[in-house]
Protein backbone atom coordinates (compact mmCIF):
# COMPACT_ATOMS: atom_id res chain seq x y z
CA MET A 1 -5.21 -33.06 -34.27
CA ASN A 2 -3.80 -35.45 -31.66
CA LYS A 3 -5.97 -35.61 -28.52
CA ASN A 4 -2.94 -35.56 -26.25
CA PHE A 5 -1.69 -32.41 -27.98
CA LEU A 6 -5.11 -30.78 -27.48
CA LEU A 7 -5.02 -31.71 -23.80
CA ILE A 8 -1.57 -30.13 -23.44
CA LEU A 9 -2.83 -26.93 -25.09
CA VAL A 10 -5.79 -26.78 -22.71
CA LEU A 11 -3.57 -27.35 -19.68
CA VAL A 12 -1.16 -24.64 -20.82
CA PHE A 13 -4.05 -22.22 -21.36
CA VAL A 14 -5.55 -22.95 -17.94
CA SER A 15 -2.17 -22.69 -16.24
CA PHE A 16 -1.41 -19.38 -17.98
CA ASN A 17 -4.73 -17.85 -16.97
CA ALA A 18 -4.43 -19.11 -13.41
CA MET A 19 -1.18 -17.16 -13.17
CA ALA A 20 -2.56 -14.02 -14.82
CA GLY A 21 -3.95 -11.14 -12.81
CA THR A 22 -7.45 -9.74 -12.99
CA PRO A 23 -7.75 -6.64 -15.23
CA VAL A 24 -8.37 -3.47 -13.24
CA PRO A 25 -11.33 -1.43 -14.53
CA ASP A 26 -10.74 2.17 -15.57
CA PHE A 27 -10.74 4.70 -12.74
CA ARG A 28 -11.57 8.38 -13.00
CA VAL A 29 -8.84 10.73 -14.18
CA GLN A 30 -8.93 14.31 -12.93
CA GLN A 31 -6.93 17.21 -14.34
CA VAL A 32 -5.58 19.10 -11.34
CA ALA A 33 -3.37 21.59 -13.19
CA ASP A 34 -2.36 22.53 -16.75
CA HIS A 35 -0.07 19.53 -17.27
CA THR A 36 -0.94 17.30 -14.31
CA TYR A 37 -3.58 14.57 -14.10
CA VAL A 38 -4.33 12.11 -11.30
CA VAL A 39 -5.99 8.69 -11.41
CA PHE A 40 -7.77 8.52 -8.07
CA GLY A 41 -7.84 5.12 -6.41
CA PRO A 42 -10.22 4.02 -3.63
CA THR A 43 -9.07 4.58 -0.06
CA GLN A 44 -9.80 1.09 1.24
CA THR A 45 -7.08 -1.43 2.03
CA PRO A 46 -6.13 -3.63 -0.97
CA ASN A 47 -8.72 -6.38 -1.34
CA ALA A 48 -10.38 -8.66 -3.88
CA GLU A 49 -12.95 -5.99 -4.74
CA ASN A 50 -10.56 -3.15 -5.60
CA LEU A 51 -8.03 -5.64 -7.07
CA GLY A 52 -5.28 -3.98 -5.05
CA PHE A 53 -5.58 -0.57 -6.69
CA MET A 54 -5.81 2.16 -4.04
CA ASN A 55 -3.22 4.88 -4.66
CA ASN A 56 -3.15 8.09 -6.75
CA PRO A 57 -0.98 7.65 -9.86
CA GLY A 58 0.12 10.90 -11.45
CA ILE A 59 0.31 11.62 -15.17
CA ILE A 60 2.32 14.67 -16.22
CA ILE A 61 2.16 15.55 -19.91
CA GLY A 62 5.03 17.57 -21.32
CA SER A 63 5.68 18.89 -24.80
CA ASP A 64 6.95 15.59 -26.15
CA SER A 65 6.75 13.02 -23.36
CA VAL A 66 4.86 11.75 -20.32
CA VAL A 67 5.98 11.28 -16.72
CA ILE A 68 4.18 8.79 -14.48
CA ILE A 69 4.33 8.93 -10.69
CA ASP A 70 3.46 5.77 -8.74
CA PRO A 71 1.68 3.58 -11.34
CA GLY A 72 -0.07 1.40 -8.78
CA SER A 73 0.09 -1.97 -7.10
CA SER A 74 0.25 -4.53 -9.89
CA LEU A 75 0.82 -5.24 -13.56
CA GLU A 76 -2.89 -4.71 -14.21
CA SER A 77 -2.98 -1.45 -12.24
CA GLY A 78 -0.14 -0.19 -14.38
CA ARG A 79 -1.94 -1.25 -17.54
CA MET A 80 -5.03 0.61 -16.40
CA VAL A 81 -2.96 3.76 -15.82
CA LEU A 82 -1.51 3.45 -19.33
CA ARG A 83 -5.02 3.23 -20.78
CA GLN A 84 -5.78 6.57 -19.14
CA VAL A 85 -2.58 8.03 -20.57
CA LYS A 86 -3.59 6.95 -24.08
CA LYS A 87 -6.95 8.70 -23.65
CA LEU A 88 -5.08 11.95 -22.99
CA THR A 89 -2.12 11.83 -25.39
CA ASP A 90 -0.14 9.74 -27.84
CA LYS A 91 3.18 10.97 -26.41
CA PRO A 92 5.46 8.26 -24.99
CA VAL A 93 6.12 7.62 -21.32
CA THR A 94 9.80 8.43 -20.77
CA HIS A 95 10.16 8.69 -16.98
CA VAL A 96 8.62 6.94 -13.96
CA PHE A 97 9.10 8.14 -10.38
CA ASN A 98 8.27 5.98 -7.34
CA SER A 99 7.55 7.68 -4.02
CA HIS A 100 8.55 4.92 -1.56
CA ILE A 101 8.99 1.22 -0.85
CA HIS A 102 5.36 0.21 -0.23
CA GLY A 103 4.31 -1.93 -3.17
CA ASP A 104 0.80 -0.56 -3.59
CA HIS A 105 2.50 2.45 -5.23
CA TRP A 106 5.12 1.01 -7.55
CA LEU A 107 4.53 -2.60 -8.62
CA GLY A 108 2.70 -1.19 -11.64
CA ASN A 109 6.17 -0.36 -13.00
CA GLN A 110 6.03 -3.67 -14.85
CA ALA A 111 3.35 -2.43 -17.23
CA ILE A 112 5.34 0.69 -18.08
CA ARG A 113 8.49 -1.33 -18.74
CA GLU A 114 6.60 -3.67 -21.06
CA ALA A 115 5.01 -0.84 -23.03
CA TYR A 116 7.98 1.56 -22.98
CA PRO A 117 11.24 -0.40 -22.62
CA LYS A 118 13.36 2.77 -22.82
CA ALA A 119 11.57 4.56 -19.97
CA LYS A 120 13.77 5.51 -17.00
CA PHE A 121 12.73 4.62 -13.44
CA TYR A 122 13.71 6.64 -10.36
CA ALA A 123 13.36 6.29 -6.58
CA HIS A 124 15.01 7.01 -3.24
CA PRO A 125 18.26 4.99 -2.97
CA GLU A 126 17.03 3.29 0.19
CA MET A 127 13.86 2.25 -1.60
CA ILE A 128 15.96 0.65 -4.33
CA ARG A 129 18.16 -1.12 -1.77
CA LYS A 130 15.24 -2.48 0.22
CA ALA A 131 13.37 -3.61 -2.87
CA LYS A 132 16.39 -5.56 -4.11
CA GLU A 133 17.07 -7.03 -0.68
CA SER A 134 13.67 -8.60 0.04
CA GLU A 135 10.80 -6.12 0.15
CA ALA A 136 9.86 -6.40 -3.51
CA ASP A 137 9.13 -10.11 -3.12
CA SER A 138 7.36 -9.51 0.19
CA TRP A 139 5.05 -6.92 -1.36
CA ILE A 140 4.25 -9.10 -4.36
CA LYS A 141 3.21 -11.91 -2.01
CA LEU A 142 1.26 -9.55 0.27
CA MET A 143 -0.69 -7.97 -2.59
CA SER A 144 -1.61 -11.38 -3.96
CA LYS A 145 -2.78 -12.52 -0.54
CA LEU A 146 -4.82 -9.38 0.15
CA THR A 147 -6.51 -9.52 -3.25
CA GLU A 148 -7.09 -13.29 -3.23
CA GLY A 149 -4.83 -13.73 -6.23
CA ALA A 150 -6.07 -10.81 -8.33
CA THR A 151 -2.54 -9.42 -8.72
CA GLU A 152 -0.93 -12.70 -9.79
CA GLY A 153 1.51 -12.35 -12.67
CA THR A 154 3.02 -9.17 -11.25
CA ARG A 155 6.80 -9.02 -11.02
CA ALA A 156 9.02 -6.33 -9.58
CA VAL A 157 10.57 -3.77 -11.90
CA ILE A 158 12.88 -2.00 -9.47
CA PRO A 159 14.03 1.52 -10.35
CA GLU A 160 17.63 1.70 -11.47
CA ASN A 161 18.19 5.43 -10.87
CA SER A 162 18.64 6.99 -7.41
CA LEU A 163 17.24 10.35 -6.32
CA ALA A 164 18.64 12.97 -3.96
CA ASP A 165 17.02 15.95 -2.29
CA GLY A 166 17.04 18.94 -4.63
CA ASP A 167 17.49 16.97 -7.84
CA THR A 168 15.84 18.82 -10.72
CA PHE A 169 14.72 17.28 -14.00
CA LYS A 170 13.74 19.09 -17.18
CA ILE A 171 11.35 16.79 -19.01
CA GLY A 172 9.20 17.84 -21.94
CA GLY A 173 9.60 21.51 -21.10
CA LEU A 174 8.51 20.99 -17.49
CA THR A 175 10.52 21.12 -14.26
CA LEU A 176 10.26 18.28 -11.76
CA ARG A 177 12.00 18.90 -8.43
CA ILE A 178 12.74 16.22 -5.84
CA HIS A 179 12.06 16.76 -2.12
CA ILE A 180 13.45 14.28 0.40
CA MET A 181 13.48 14.43 4.18
CA PRO A 182 15.34 11.67 6.03
CA ALA A 183 12.75 10.35 8.48
CA THR A 184 9.11 10.59 7.47
CA HIS A 185 6.68 7.87 6.36
CA SER A 186 9.14 5.07 5.61
CA TYR A 187 12.74 6.34 5.41
CA THR A 188 12.50 5.69 1.65
CA ASP A 189 10.28 8.63 0.71
CA ALA A 190 10.65 11.08 -2.16
CA MET A 191 8.17 13.82 -3.02
CA PHE A 192 7.75 15.32 -6.47
CA GLU A 193 7.09 18.97 -7.28
CA ILE A 194 5.82 19.93 -10.71
CA VAL A 195 7.14 23.48 -10.63
CA GLU A 196 5.16 25.09 -13.46
CA ASP A 197 1.89 23.66 -12.10
CA SER A 198 2.62 24.34 -8.40
CA VAL A 199 1.74 20.70 -7.70
CA MET A 200 3.32 18.56 -5.00
CA PHE A 201 2.98 14.77 -5.04
CA THR A 202 3.55 13.84 -1.40
CA GLY A 203 3.43 10.06 -1.57
CA ASP A 204 2.27 8.60 1.74
CA ASN A 205 4.01 11.39 3.63
CA VAL A 206 0.51 12.86 3.51
CA THR A 207 -2.78 11.04 3.13
CA TYR A 208 -6.29 12.49 3.20
CA LYS A 209 -9.47 10.66 4.10
CA ARG A 210 -7.32 7.62 4.84
CA ILE A 211 -5.14 6.71 7.82
CA PRO A 212 -1.76 5.29 6.70
CA ARG A 213 0.65 2.93 8.42
CA PHE A 214 3.54 4.28 10.50
CA ASN A 215 5.38 0.99 10.99
CA ASP A 216 8.39 2.18 9.02
CA GLY A 217 8.54 5.91 9.83
CA THR A 218 8.47 8.52 12.56
CA PHE A 219 5.88 10.88 13.99
CA ARG A 220 8.36 13.63 14.73
CA GLY A 221 9.82 13.46 11.25
CA THR A 222 6.34 13.56 9.76
CA LEU A 223 5.45 16.64 11.81
CA ALA A 224 8.58 18.43 10.58
CA MET A 225 7.83 17.43 7.00
CA THR A 226 4.19 18.56 7.08
CA GLU A 227 5.20 21.89 8.59
CA LYS A 228 7.57 22.41 5.68
CA LEU A 229 4.90 21.44 3.15
CA ILE A 230 2.38 23.84 4.67
CA SER A 231 4.89 26.69 4.60
CA ALA A 232 5.63 26.03 0.92
CA ASN A 233 1.95 26.71 0.14
CA PHE A 234 1.76 24.89 -3.17
CA LYS A 235 -1.45 25.39 -5.09
CA HIS A 236 -2.17 21.66 -5.29
CA TYR A 237 -1.17 18.75 -3.04
CA VAL A 238 -1.66 15.20 -4.31
CA PRO A 239 -1.58 12.82 -1.32
CA GLY A 240 -0.60 9.19 -1.59
CA HIS A 241 -4.22 8.26 -0.90
CA GLY A 242 -7.36 10.35 -0.95
CA PRO A 243 -8.57 13.52 -2.67
CA THR A 244 -6.27 16.27 -3.93
CA GLY A 245 -6.57 19.75 -2.44
CA ASP A 246 -4.74 22.81 -1.16
CA LYS A 247 -2.65 22.97 2.01
CA LYS A 248 -5.75 22.28 4.13
CA ILE A 249 -5.38 18.56 3.41
CA VAL A 250 -1.83 18.69 4.78
CA GLU A 251 -3.05 20.61 7.82
CA SER A 252 -5.73 17.98 8.41
CA PHE A 253 -3.23 15.12 8.26
CA ARG A 254 -0.79 17.01 10.45
CA LYS A 255 -3.50 17.51 13.06
CA TYR A 256 -4.02 13.75 13.26
CA VAL A 257 -0.30 13.10 13.75
CA ALA A 258 0.18 15.99 16.19
CA THR A 259 -2.84 15.00 18.29
CA LEU A 260 -1.94 11.33 18.48
CA TYR A 261 1.77 11.80 19.14
CA GLY A 262 1.29 14.78 21.45
CA LYS A 263 -1.22 13.06 23.68
CA ALA A 264 0.71 9.77 23.66
CA THR A 265 3.77 11.68 24.86
CA VAL A 266 1.86 13.38 27.66
CA TYR A 267 0.23 10.16 28.84
CA TYR A 268 3.53 8.30 28.62
CA GLU A 269 5.13 10.91 30.87
CA GLU A 270 2.21 10.44 33.29
CA GLY A 271 3.05 6.73 33.47
CA LEU A 272 0.18 5.32 31.40
CA SER A 273 0.73 2.33 29.13
CA ASP A 274 -0.46 2.33 25.54
CA PHE A 275 -3.65 0.36 26.22
CA GLU A 276 -4.51 2.60 29.17
CA MET A 277 -4.34 5.76 27.06
CA LYS A 278 -6.03 4.36 23.94
CA ASP A 279 -9.63 5.36 24.70
CA LYS A 280 -8.61 8.92 25.57
CA ILE A 281 -6.61 9.35 22.40
CA VAL A 282 -9.31 7.79 20.22
CA ALA A 283 -11.83 10.25 21.69
CA ALA A 284 -9.52 13.15 20.80
CA LEU A 285 -9.39 11.88 17.21
CA ALA A 286 -13.14 12.01 16.63
CA ASP A 287 -12.72 13.85 13.31
CA TYR A 288 -10.77 10.90 11.88
CA GLN A 289 -12.72 7.90 13.12
CA GLN A 290 -14.57 7.48 9.82
CA TRP A 291 -11.44 7.55 7.70
CA PRO A 292 -10.60 4.13 6.22
CA GLY A 293 -7.69 2.60 8.08
CA PHE A 294 -8.50 4.26 11.41
CA ASN A 295 -9.74 1.20 13.29
CA GLU A 296 -6.97 -1.03 11.93
CA ASN A 297 -4.16 1.41 12.65
CA VAL A 298 -4.92 3.67 15.60
CA GLY A 299 -3.92 1.12 18.25
CA LYS A 300 -0.67 0.38 16.43
CA HIS A 301 -0.02 4.11 16.05
CA ILE A 302 -0.43 4.68 19.79
CA SER A 303 2.00 1.87 20.60
CA LEU A 304 4.51 3.23 18.09
CA ALA A 305 4.06 6.76 19.42
CA VAL A 306 4.81 5.58 22.95
CA LEU A 307 7.97 3.86 21.75
CA GLU A 308 9.05 7.03 19.93
CA ALA A 309 8.26 9.19 22.97
CA GLU A 310 10.27 6.81 25.15
CA LYS A 311 13.21 7.01 22.76
CA ALA A 312 12.97 10.81 22.65
CA SER A 313 13.09 10.98 26.44
CA PHE A 314 16.62 9.53 26.37
CA GLU A 315 17.96 11.87 23.69
């Protein structure tokens, strides 16, 4: 064989592998209800160690098909989720639902599209718009940077079907109901109720044992949303990050938001700036100081809460 041809083959192989992502190892799958399973991701920020996988993909197995909710942050995360599906059933994946715009939840769509080209993808219309505009590319670049290249090779498969509050789907003998409130975690959020299982997938509208970002959402909207979720009293709540549980996990998250926003509002009205009130608010949040994301986010949250309180004072 020609030496130059061999060299070309080697270069192509090296180039291909340099562009490929790092396979994500299998994560634990837990059955939380009769038809509902969750692949629990770690609660740390995406990094080279967790390969970007950190959310809680859902697997709902119907009579003749499978629904996946939020298949993760990359092509390899999505492939890992599909391996877990195949351990549970040989039924095809027919529907994928994405909870919001943040790429750690939905960039795994690519793996589902490759394996099941006829699967239908759904999301909030604003999520679809933002992803097409620029956010899909931004999240692909961010995930690659945070994981030191572990998610390379991932491309955006943007949902083509829009959701509205109250939409109801009958899939494989199961009922999936859509819940949307206008101003919560990111203004692109949809939540998914599996009616027969009394399961609610909250997306990042609720997290447990992890502090989320609030850059794109509102504290007041989140408080209204969590109050509604608590009143609904579903048997199981699957947060965007962290362990599944009953309504106590929603109450815990709500307490964080209510404490931070409530105290920021009071101190703002007393004339304190965000940095002057930070130590007092941090002390009041002692129960949350060990949650991943607290140290990185609490200062930002206080600043955002002050801005929201200021805005509310003019309404």
